[in-house]
Protein backbone atom coordinates (compact mmCIF):
# COMPACT_ATOMS: atom_id res chain seq x y z
CA MET A 1 49.32 98.55 98.95
CA ALA A 2 48.08 97.13 102.23
CA PRO A 3 45.76 99.58 104.01
CA LEU A 4 47.90 99.73 107.14
CA THR A 5 51.18 100.47 105.37
CA PRO A 6 50.75 104.30 105.18
CA LEU A 7 49.77 104.32 108.86
CA ALA A 8 52.85 102.22 109.77
CA VAL A 9 55.09 104.59 107.84
CA ALA A 10 53.58 107.68 109.43
CA ILE A 11 53.86 106.38 112.99
CA GLY A 12 57.36 105.01 112.33
CA LYS A 13 58.49 108.38 111.01
CA ALA A 14 57.07 110.14 114.07
CA ALA A 15 58.86 107.73 116.39
CA GLY A 16 62.16 108.39 114.69
CA ARG A 17 61.75 112.13 114.90
CA ILE A 18 60.82 111.99 118.60
CA SER A 19 63.76 109.70 119.33
CA ARG A 20 66.19 112.18 117.78
CA GLN A 21 64.60 115.22 119.40
CA LEU A 22 64.79 113.62 122.84
CA ARG A 23 68.34 112.41 122.11
CA LEU A 24 67.31 108.88 122.85
CA GLY A 25 69.12 107.69 119.70
CA GLY A 26 69.24 108.16 115.98
CA GLY A 27 65.92 106.49 115.21
CA THR A 28 67.70 103.83 113.19
CA THR A 29 65.81 100.83 114.67
CA LEU A 30 62.77 101.90 116.75
CA PRO A 31 60.74 103.18 113.77
CA GLY A 32 61.17 99.81 112.06
CA THR A 33 60.07 97.89 115.14
CA ILE A 34 56.93 100.01 115.51
CA ALA A 35 56.09 99.94 111.81
CA ARG A 36 56.34 96.14 111.72
CA ARG A 37 53.98 95.84 114.69
CA ILE A 38 51.37 97.82 112.74
CA ALA A 39 52.02 96.33 109.30
CA PRO A 40 54.19 93.15 109.41
CA GLY A 41 54.67 93.25 105.64
CA VAL A 42 55.83 96.86 105.46
CA LEU A 43 59.45 96.09 104.49
CA ARG A 44 58.33 93.77 101.69
CA GLU A 45 55.93 96.39 100.32
CA LEU A 46 58.35 99.29 100.49
CA SER A 47 61.30 97.41 98.97
CA THR A 48 59.28 95.87 96.12
CA ALA A 49 58.05 99.36 95.24
CA LEU A 50 61.60 100.55 94.48
CA PRO A 51 61.81 101.17 90.70
CA HIS A 52 65.25 99.55 90.33
CA GLY A 53 64.94 96.92 93.02
CA ALA A 54 67.21 96.26 95.97
CA VAL A 55 70.71 95.01 96.73
CA LEU A 56 71.71 93.04 99.85
CA LEU A 57 75.26 92.79 101.15
CA SER A 58 76.45 90.51 103.93
CA GLY A 59 79.57 88.88 105.39
CA THR A 60 81.61 88.96 108.58
CA ASN A 61 84.03 91.77 107.77
CA GLY A 62 83.85 94.74 105.43
CA LYS A 63 80.07 95.14 105.12
CA THR A 64 79.80 98.81 106.07
CA THR A 65 82.74 99.99 103.96
CA THR A 66 81.76 97.94 100.92
CA SER A 67 78.11 99.02 101.08
CA ARG A 68 79.19 102.65 101.28
CA MET A 69 81.43 102.18 98.25
CA ILE A 70 78.54 100.69 96.29
CA ALA A 71 76.24 103.50 97.42
CA GLU A 72 78.70 106.13 96.18
CA ILE A 73 79.04 104.30 92.83
CA LEU A 74 75.23 104.10 92.41
CA ARG A 75 74.83 107.79 93.21
CA ALA A 76 77.51 108.63 90.66
CA ASN A 77 75.43 106.60 88.23
CA GLY A 78 72.43 108.81 88.80
CA GLU A 79 70.52 106.67 91.29
CA ARG A 80 68.78 107.91 94.41
CA VAL A 81 69.91 105.31 96.91
CA LEU A 82 68.00 104.02 99.93
CA HIS A 83 70.84 102.86 102.20
CA ASN A 84 71.05 101.90 105.87
CA ARG A 85 74.13 104.09 106.15
CA ALA A 86 74.03 104.29 109.95
CA GLY A 87 74.70 100.55 110.09
CA ALA A 88 71.44 99.25 111.66
CA ASN A 89 71.55 95.96 109.81
CA LEU A 90 68.97 93.71 111.47
CA ILE A 91 65.46 93.44 110.03
CA ALA A 92 64.10 96.25 112.23
CA GLY A 93 66.94 98.49 111.05
CA LEU A 94 66.33 97.69 107.40
CA THR A 95 62.64 98.49 107.93
CA ALA A 96 63.46 101.76 109.68
CA THR A 97 65.62 102.78 106.73
CA ALA A 98 62.82 102.04 104.26
CA VAL A 99 60.30 103.90 106.41
CA ALA A 100 62.51 106.99 106.68
CA ASP A 101 62.89 107.15 102.91
CA SER A 102 59.19 106.82 102.13
CA ASP A 103 56.69 109.66 101.79
CA TRP A 104 53.64 109.90 104.00
CA ARG A 105 51.63 107.74 101.58
CA GLY A 106 54.12 104.89 101.96
CA ARG A 107 55.84 105.35 98.62
CA PRO A 108 59.68 105.18 98.45
CA ARG A 109 61.54 108.25 97.23
CA ALA A 110 64.64 106.31 96.23
CA THR A 111 65.14 104.51 92.95
CA ILE A 112 67.19 101.62 94.34
CA GLY A 113 67.70 100.03 97.78
CA LEU A 114 71.04 98.98 99.24
CA PHE A 115 71.01 97.15 102.54
CA GLU A 116 74.01 96.07 104.59
CA THR A 117 72.65 92.95 106.34
CA ASP A 118 73.74 91.11 109.47
CA GLU A 119 74.88 87.55 108.77
CA ALA A 120 72.11 85.99 110.81
CA ALA A 121 69.49 88.32 109.31
CA LEU A 122 70.35 87.67 105.66
CA PRO A 123 67.92 84.77 105.11
CA ALA A 124 64.99 86.79 106.47
CA ALA A 125 66.09 89.83 104.47
CA ILE A 126 66.19 87.78 101.26
CA ALA A 127 62.70 86.43 101.99
CA GLU A 128 61.19 89.87 102.60
CA ILE A 129 63.10 92.10 100.19
CA ARG A 130 63.48 89.69 97.22
CA PRO A 131 66.66 91.47 96.04
CA ARG A 132 67.91 91.72 92.47
CA LEU A 133 71.51 91.27 93.68
CA VAL A 134 73.13 89.68 96.76
CA LEU A 135 76.82 90.24 97.53
CA ILE A 136 78.48 87.97 100.10
CA HIS A 137 81.92 89.07 101.18
CA ASN A 138 83.43 86.49 103.55
CA LEU A 139 82.61 84.22 106.46
CA PHE A 140 84.73 84.06 109.62
CA ARG A 141 84.17 82.95 113.17
CA ASP A 142 82.50 85.90 114.86
CA GLN A 143 80.39 86.12 118.02
CA LEU A 144 79.77 82.41 118.46
CA ASP A 145 77.28 83.23 121.22
CA ARG A 146 75.07 84.88 118.56
CA TYR A 147 75.80 83.14 115.22
CA GLY A 148 77.10 79.67 115.89
CA GLU A 149 79.78 78.03 113.80
CA VAL A 150 80.50 79.14 110.24
CA ASP A 151 78.97 75.98 108.74
CA THR A 152 75.66 76.81 110.41
CA VAL A 153 75.67 80.30 108.91
CA ALA A 154 76.76 79.06 105.48
CA GLY A 155 73.96 76.45 105.48
CA ALA A 156 71.33 79.11 106.22
CA TRP A 157 72.71 81.34 103.48
CA ARG A 158 72.65 78.45 100.98
CA GLU A 159 69.00 77.71 101.67
CA ALA A 160 68.06 81.39 101.37
CA LEU A 161 69.95 81.97 98.12
CA ALA A 162 68.27 78.94 96.57
CA THR A 163 64.94 80.80 96.82
CA LEU A 164 66.11 83.62 94.56
CA PRO A 165 64.59 83.80 91.05
CA ALA A 166 66.76 82.95 88.06
CA GLU A 167 66.99 86.59 86.99
CA ALA A 168 68.67 87.58 90.27
CA HIS A 169 72.42 88.03 90.51
CA VAL A 170 74.78 86.75 93.26
CA VAL A 171 78.30 88.14 93.72
CA LEU A 172 80.69 85.95 95.74
CA ASN A 173 84.25 86.07 97.02
CA ALA A 174 86.22 83.39 95.13
CA ASP A 175 88.99 83.42 97.78
CA ASP A 176 86.73 82.26 100.62
CA PRO A 177 85.91 78.55 100.20
CA ALA A 178 82.69 78.70 102.25
CA VAL A 179 81.44 81.69 100.31
CA ALA A 180 82.53 80.59 96.84
CA ASP A 181 80.86 77.21 97.25
CA LEU A 182 77.48 78.92 97.69
CA GLY A 183 77.40 79.52 93.93
CA ARG A 184 77.85 75.86 92.99
CA THR A 185 74.19 74.91 92.73
CA LEU A 186 72.52 78.30 92.21
CA GLU A 187 70.26 78.86 89.21
CA THR A 188 70.87 82.61 89.36
CA ARG A 189 73.67 84.42 87.61
CA VAL A 190 76.87 84.24 89.67
CA THR A 191 79.88 86.58 89.53
CA TYR A 192 83.11 85.85 91.43
CA TYR A 193 85.79 88.33 92.49
CA GLY A 194 89.23 87.72 94.02
CA LEU A 195 92.81 88.70 94.65
CA ASP A 196 95.54 87.43 92.32
CA ASP A 197 98.63 89.28 93.54
CA PRO A 198 100.92 86.59 95.05
CA ARG A 199 103.09 89.16 96.86
CA HIS A 200 100.41 89.52 99.54
CA ALA A 201 100.34 85.82 100.36
CA VAL A 202 101.93 85.66 103.81
CA GLY A 203 100.38 82.40 104.98
CA ALA A 204 99.80 83.83 108.47
CA GLY A 205 96.92 83.10 110.76
CA ALA A 206 96.36 79.44 109.88
CA HIS A 207 95.08 78.82 113.41
CA ILE A 208 92.13 81.14 112.74
CA ALA A 209 91.22 79.57 109.42
CA ASP A 210 87.56 78.53 109.64
CA SER A 211 87.06 76.86 106.23
CA GLN A 212 90.05 74.58 105.89
CA PHE A 213 88.18 71.49 104.66
CA CYS A 214 86.69 70.78 101.26
CA ARG A 215 83.06 71.74 100.97
CA ARG A 216 82.43 68.66 98.88
CA CYS A 217 84.46 65.72 100.29
CA GLY A 218 85.76 66.97 103.62
CA HIS A 219 89.49 66.62 102.86
CA ARG A 220 91.83 69.44 103.93
CA TYR A 221 92.47 72.02 101.18
CA ASP A 222 95.93 72.65 99.78
CA TYR A 223 96.73 76.38 99.42
CA SER A 224 99.03 77.68 96.70
CA LEU A 225 98.49 81.21 98.08
CA ALA A 226 97.22 82.07 101.58
CA PHE A 227 96.48 85.74 102.16
CA TYR A 228 95.09 85.47 105.69
CA ALA A 229 93.09 82.88 107.65
CA HIS A 230 91.40 80.67 105.06
CA ILE A 231 91.35 83.37 102.34
CA GLY A 232 93.48 82.45 99.33
CA HIS A 233 93.90 80.10 96.37
CA TYR A 234 92.87 76.58 97.34
CA ARG A 235 92.36 73.15 95.82
CA CYS A 236 91.23 69.86 97.24
CA PRO A 237 93.84 67.13 96.50
CA ARG A 238 91.18 64.41 96.79
CA CYS A 239 88.25 65.60 94.65
CA ASP A 240 89.94 68.49 92.80
CA HIS A 241 87.37 71.03 93.96
CA ALA A 242 89.13 74.40 93.68
CA ARG A 243 88.80 78.15 93.84
CA PRO A 244 86.64 79.37 90.95
CA GLU A 245 88.27 81.68 88.42
CA PRO A 246 87.25 85.25 89.34
CA ASP A 247 85.39 87.38 86.83
CA VAL A 248 86.70 90.55 88.51
CA ARG A 249 90.34 90.21 89.63
CA LEU A 250 92.60 92.39 91.74
CA ALA A 251 95.68 91.55 89.68
CA ARG A 252 98.14 93.90 91.39
CA LEU A 253 97.97 95.79 94.66
CA GLU A 254 100.40 98.44 95.83
CA LEU A 255 99.88 99.39 99.48
CA GLN A 256 100.89 102.97 100.38
CA GLY A 257 101.00 102.93 104.15
CA THR A 258 98.01 104.47 105.92
CA ALA A 259 97.49 106.92 103.02
CA GLY A 260 95.83 104.47 100.63
CA SER A 261 96.61 101.97 97.89
CA ARG A 262 96.77 101.52 94.15
CA LEU A 263 94.73 98.73 92.57
CA TYR A 264 95.13 97.25 89.12
CA LEU A 265 91.85 95.50 88.31
CA LEU A 266 90.89 93.16 85.46
CA TYR A 267 87.28 92.53 84.45
CA PRO A 268 85.53 91.07 81.41
CA GLY A 269 86.47 93.25 78.46
CA GLY A 270 88.82 95.61 80.23
CA ALA A 271 91.22 96.74 82.97
CA MET A 272 91.76 99.84 85.09
CA GLU A 273 93.90 101.34 87.83
CA VAL A 274 92.28 102.81 90.91
CA ASP A 275 93.95 105.10 93.45
CA LEU A 276 91.94 104.15 96.55
CA PRO A 277 92.17 106.66 99.42
CA LEU A 278 91.93 103.89 102.03
CA PRO A 279 94.76 101.70 103.33
CA GLY A 280 95.12 97.98 103.75
CA LEU A 281 94.49 94.72 102.01
CA TYR A 282 90.97 94.54 103.44
CA ASN A 283 89.89 97.77 101.81
CA ALA A 284 91.41 96.79 98.49
CA THR A 285 89.25 93.64 98.64
CA ASN A 286 86.23 95.76 99.59
CA ALA A 287 86.80 97.92 96.50
CA THR A 288 87.12 94.85 94.29
CA ALA A 289 83.81 93.52 95.61
CA ALA A 290 82.18 96.91 95.07
CA LEU A 291 83.37 97.01 91.47
CA ALA A 292 82.08 93.48 90.85
CA ALA A 293 78.64 94.41 92.25
CA ALA A 294 78.52 97.67 90.30
CA MET A 295 79.28 95.92 87.00
CA ALA A 296 76.64 93.30 87.80
CA LEU A 297 74.20 96.22 88.20
CA GLY A 298 75.18 97.61 84.82
CA VAL A 299 77.35 100.55 86.01
CA ALA A 300 80.13 101.57 83.63
CA PRO A 301 83.62 100.80 85.02
CA ALA A 302 84.75 104.44 84.56
CA THR A 303 81.85 105.61 86.77
CA ALA A 304 82.79 103.07 89.46
CA ARG A 305 86.43 104.12 89.33
CA GLY A 306 85.65 107.80 89.84
CA ALA A 307 83.45 107.05 92.84
CA LEU A 308 86.03 104.80 94.45
CA GLU A 309 88.78 107.38 94.09
CA ARG A 310 86.59 109.99 95.82
CA PHE A 311 85.54 107.64 98.62
CA SER A 312 85.89 108.41 102.32
CA ALA A 313 85.59 105.83 105.06
CA ALA A 314 82.74 105.39 107.51
CA PHE A 315 83.39 106.34 111.13
CA GLY A 316 85.73 103.84 112.74
CA ARG A 317 86.40 101.85 109.60
CA ILE A 318 90.06 102.84 109.16
CA GLU A 319 89.01 106.47 109.34
CA ARG A 320 91.38 109.39 109.76
CA MET A 321 90.34 112.40 111.82
CA SER A 322 91.75 114.97 114.25
CA ALA A 323 91.16 115.54 117.92
CA GLY A 324 89.60 118.95 117.31
CA PRO A 325 90.79 121.79 115.06
CA ASP A 326 94.29 121.89 116.53
CA GLY A 327 94.47 118.40 117.94
CA PRO A 328 96.69 115.49 116.88
CA PRO A 329 95.74 113.10 114.07
CA MET A 330 93.95 109.86 114.88
CA LEU A 331 93.22 106.71 112.89
CA ILE A 332 90.31 104.55 114.04
CA ALA A 333 90.04 100.90 112.96
CA LEU A 334 87.23 98.67 114.20
CA ILE A 335 88.28 95.25 115.50
CA LYS A 336 85.65 92.64 116.33
CA ASN A 337 86.98 89.14 115.63
CA PRO A 338 90.33 87.31 115.28
CA VAL A 339 90.76 87.82 111.54
CA GLY A 340 89.82 91.49 111.55
CA ALA A 341 92.07 92.29 114.51
CA THR A 342 94.98 90.35 113.02
CA GLU A 343 94.76 92.14 109.71
CA THR A 344 94.43 95.54 111.35
CA VAL A 345 97.55 94.93 113.42
CA ARG A 346 99.34 93.69 110.31
CA MET A 347 98.37 96.86 108.44
CA LEU A 348 99.52 99.16 111.24
CA VAL A 349 102.85 97.40 111.68
CA GLN A 350 103.59 97.40 107.98
CA SER A 351 102.40 100.93 107.30
CA THR A 352 104.49 102.45 110.08
CA GLY A 353 107.67 100.82 108.81
CA HIS A 354 108.24 98.13 111.44
CA GLU A 355 107.89 95.39 108.92
CA THR A 356 108.33 95.41 105.13
CA SER A 357 105.76 93.24 103.44
CA ALA A 358 106.48 90.97 100.51
CA ALA A 359 104.79 93.62 98.36
CA GLY A 360 107.23 96.29 99.54
CA SER A 361 104.44 98.35 101.09
CA SER A 362 106.62 100.16 103.61
CA ALA A 363 109.93 101.82 102.87
CA ASN A 364 110.04 104.51 105.56
CA ALA A 365 111.88 104.48 108.85
CA ALA A 366 109.92 102.82 111.62
CA SER A 367 107.58 105.05 113.63
CA PRO A 368 106.60 104.10 117.17
CA LEU A 369 102.99 103.15 117.66
CA HIS A 370 100.76 104.95 120.14
CA LEU A 371 97.62 102.88 120.73
CA LEU A 372 94.21 103.24 122.36
CA ILE A 373 92.45 99.88 122.42
CA ALA A 374 88.86 99.70 123.73
CA ILE A 375 87.34 96.24 124.24
CA ASN A 376 83.73 95.77 125.27
CA ASP A 377 81.80 92.50 125.79
CA ARG A 378 78.27 93.73 125.26
CA TYR A 379 75.75 91.81 123.16
CA ALA A 380 76.58 93.55 119.90
CA ASP A 381 80.30 92.86 120.46
CA GLY A 382 79.87 89.24 121.47
CA THR A 383 80.00 88.41 125.16
CA ASP A 384 82.81 85.90 124.73
CA VAL A 385 86.17 87.78 124.39
CA SER A 386 88.31 84.64 124.13
CA TRP A 387 88.81 85.71 120.51
CA LEU A 388 91.51 88.09 121.77
CA TRP A 389 93.77 85.07 122.21
CA ASP A 390 93.20 83.89 118.66
CA ALA A 391 93.99 87.28 117.16
CA GLU A 392 97.69 87.89 116.39
CA PHE A 393 98.85 90.85 118.50
CA GLU A 394 102.43 89.47 118.58
CA PRO A 395 103.61 91.76 115.71
CA LEU A 396 103.20 94.67 118.17
CA ASP A 397 106.22 93.37 120.10
CA GLY A 398 108.92 96.03 119.74
CA THR A 399 106.66 98.53 117.98
CA VAL A 400 104.56 100.11 120.75
CA THR A 401 105.66 103.17 122.76
CA ALA A 402 102.38 103.59 124.61
CA ALA A 403 99.16 101.54 124.81
CA THR A 404 96.12 102.84 126.66
CA VAL A 405 93.55 100.11 127.20
CA SER A 406 89.88 100.80 127.95
CA GLY A 407 86.40 99.28 127.90
CA THR A 408 84.57 96.69 129.94
CA ARG A 409 87.33 94.12 129.25
CA ALA A 410 90.31 96.46 129.56
CA ASP A 411 92.13 94.12 131.92
CA ASP A 412 91.76 91.21 129.48
CA MET A 413 93.23 93.30 126.67
CA ALA A 414 96.10 94.50 128.85
CA LEU A 415 96.93 90.91 129.70
CA ARG A 416 96.77 89.91 126.02
CA LEU A 417 99.21 92.71 125.08
CA LYS A 418 101.57 91.60 127.86
CA TYR A 419 101.60 88.06 126.48
CA ALA A 420 102.10 89.42 122.96
CA GLY A 421 105.38 90.95 124.12
CA VAL A 422 104.35 94.55 124.69
CA PRO A 423 106.26 95.81 127.77
CA GLU A 424 104.08 96.02 130.85
CA GLU A 425 105.39 99.50 131.68
CA VAL A 426 103.94 101.01 128.46
CA ILE A 427 100.45 99.53 129.02
CA HIS A 428 98.02 101.77 130.91
CA VAL A 429 94.50 100.59 131.90
CA GLU A 430 91.74 103.22 132.05
CA PRO A 431 88.29 101.56 131.86
CA GLU A 432 86.39 104.84 131.44
CA LEU A 433 86.60 105.66 127.74
CA SER A 434 86.51 109.46 127.89
CA ARG A 435 89.39 109.58 130.36
CA ALA A 436 91.23 106.95 128.29
CA VAL A 437 91.01 109.24 125.25
CA ASP A 438 92.40 112.16 127.29
CA ARG A 439 95.27 110.04 128.64
CA ALA A 440 96.19 108.65 125.23
CA ILE A 441 96.21 112.07 123.60
CA ALA A 442 98.18 113.68 126.45
CA GLY A 443 100.94 111.12 125.97
CA LEU A 444 101.40 111.83 122.25
CA PRO A 445 104.62 113.55 121.18
CA PRO A 446 104.33 116.31 118.53
CA GLY A 447 103.50 114.96 115.12
CA ALA A 448 102.51 111.49 116.34
CA THR A 449 99.26 109.74 115.35
CA LEU A 450 97.02 108.00 117.85
CA TYR A 451 95.82 104.63 116.50
CA ILE A 452 92.50 103.66 118.05
CA LEU A 453 91.24 100.03 117.91
CA PRO A 454 87.74 99.65 119.37
CA THR A 455 85.15 96.86 119.33
CA TYR A 456 81.73 97.75 117.95
CA THR A 457 79.98 99.24 120.99
CA ALA A 458 83.24 100.89 122.07
CA MET A 459 83.37 102.53 118.61
CA LEU A 460 79.83 103.88 119.14
CA GLU A 461 80.81 105.20 122.57
CA LEU A 462 83.88 106.85 121.04
CA ARG A 463 81.70 108.59 118.52
CA GLU A 464 79.49 109.88 121.26
CA VAL A 465 82.54 111.18 123.16
CA PHE A 466 83.89 112.84 120.02
CA ALA A 467 80.46 114.31 119.13
CA ARG A 468 80.14 115.91 122.59
CA ARG A 469 83.53 117.49 122.03
CA GLY A 470 82.54 118.77 118.60
CA TRP A 471 85.08 116.61 116.71
CA VAL A 472 82.45 114.67 114.69
CA ARG A 473 78.73 114.77 113.98
CA GLN A 474 76.29 112.31 115.54
CA PHE A 475 76.08 109.07 113.57
CA TRP A 476 72.55 109.70 112.32
CA GLU A 477 73.75 113.01 110.82
CA ASP A 478 76.54 111.37 108.84
């Protein structure tokens, strides 16, 4: 161990404790920044000291939920998991997580590391952590001011994955052409997962498909099934490059409104049904990815199933809660890019009975939607909010009884809803988030649910508002 590592850990721990005591934050990033100033190699040393190595997970959508699923599976398997659960997923955040877990001598307490990793930070994380497994979920256009185009990100990922040793394992989404193609030239073991249920192929959102052209010859892909954006079953008519056959397959998916879903999964040597207590196609895909990663790590399928069926969502990731002990129910779903917003709207419209999907996911009478949408344009959200016009809010036409709009770009969101067909008289702009929460709740009829759709920093502000009111704990206590 480098001589400065214990000092870096000690000072980093102290900085985190002071930050929380002074209510300056959760200490999820600052300790890592300070520790790296003292010992630049501290993350490498702490992660390589983990007895069972480390896992990295990245992608545009679903990182937090999928990483939490994997963490629960690993804990059920007897592991003590080092996990950046609070969501600080840049290198400083990963370092802060490792520092917090270590003892004062700089030795990790956990047996295995699990790091949700920002798309742009993944190459650096691979270089420092040298993971035993990397899971890549999907790649969509997201915050172009920060990341650049998807081909730029995919190229950086490809170069980083090529540095992994042969004994490492890479888990990839077969339904995303840009992600699946990363496995083509790897010398590591590669596992693919994917969705096979054709009833969920709606073919919507083609205008937000970011990987429409063959990764090998540049010709446009033909899709036999298109689930959303560029996610589906594809083949190039020119060079015959096609979706790889998944090792772990979601063969059948029954959506059960906002209550959850039932998954029928096939994997090498077996099959199982999972009653997942989370709604939506996205979360079913998250669970499939988590199972694929767990099996690659040697976890028994029965252990993974039990953990998935007990799972509860992270704050804001399609999470159900109440506005206090006697308050109305709320469902919070993060939206941060065109694909994520489109799929969230699709889920809400289907699950409340306004639209019956091809899979027959909604059979109840339609319930009017009461919305609170909070759109910010801060750095962590992406300063360019033109993505609102690529997202499909049009299914909300005829479904919304009241829409309270808040955040730094509340007026932009109100205009987008108007153009989507939501009547102007039901749209109310309240830029201040706490007052927007009060207004939205006050307008709820008895028994109605408030559906809250925030961007990332708005979600953090919501949590602060709710924590002050005693509805939730602070994020670092979760």
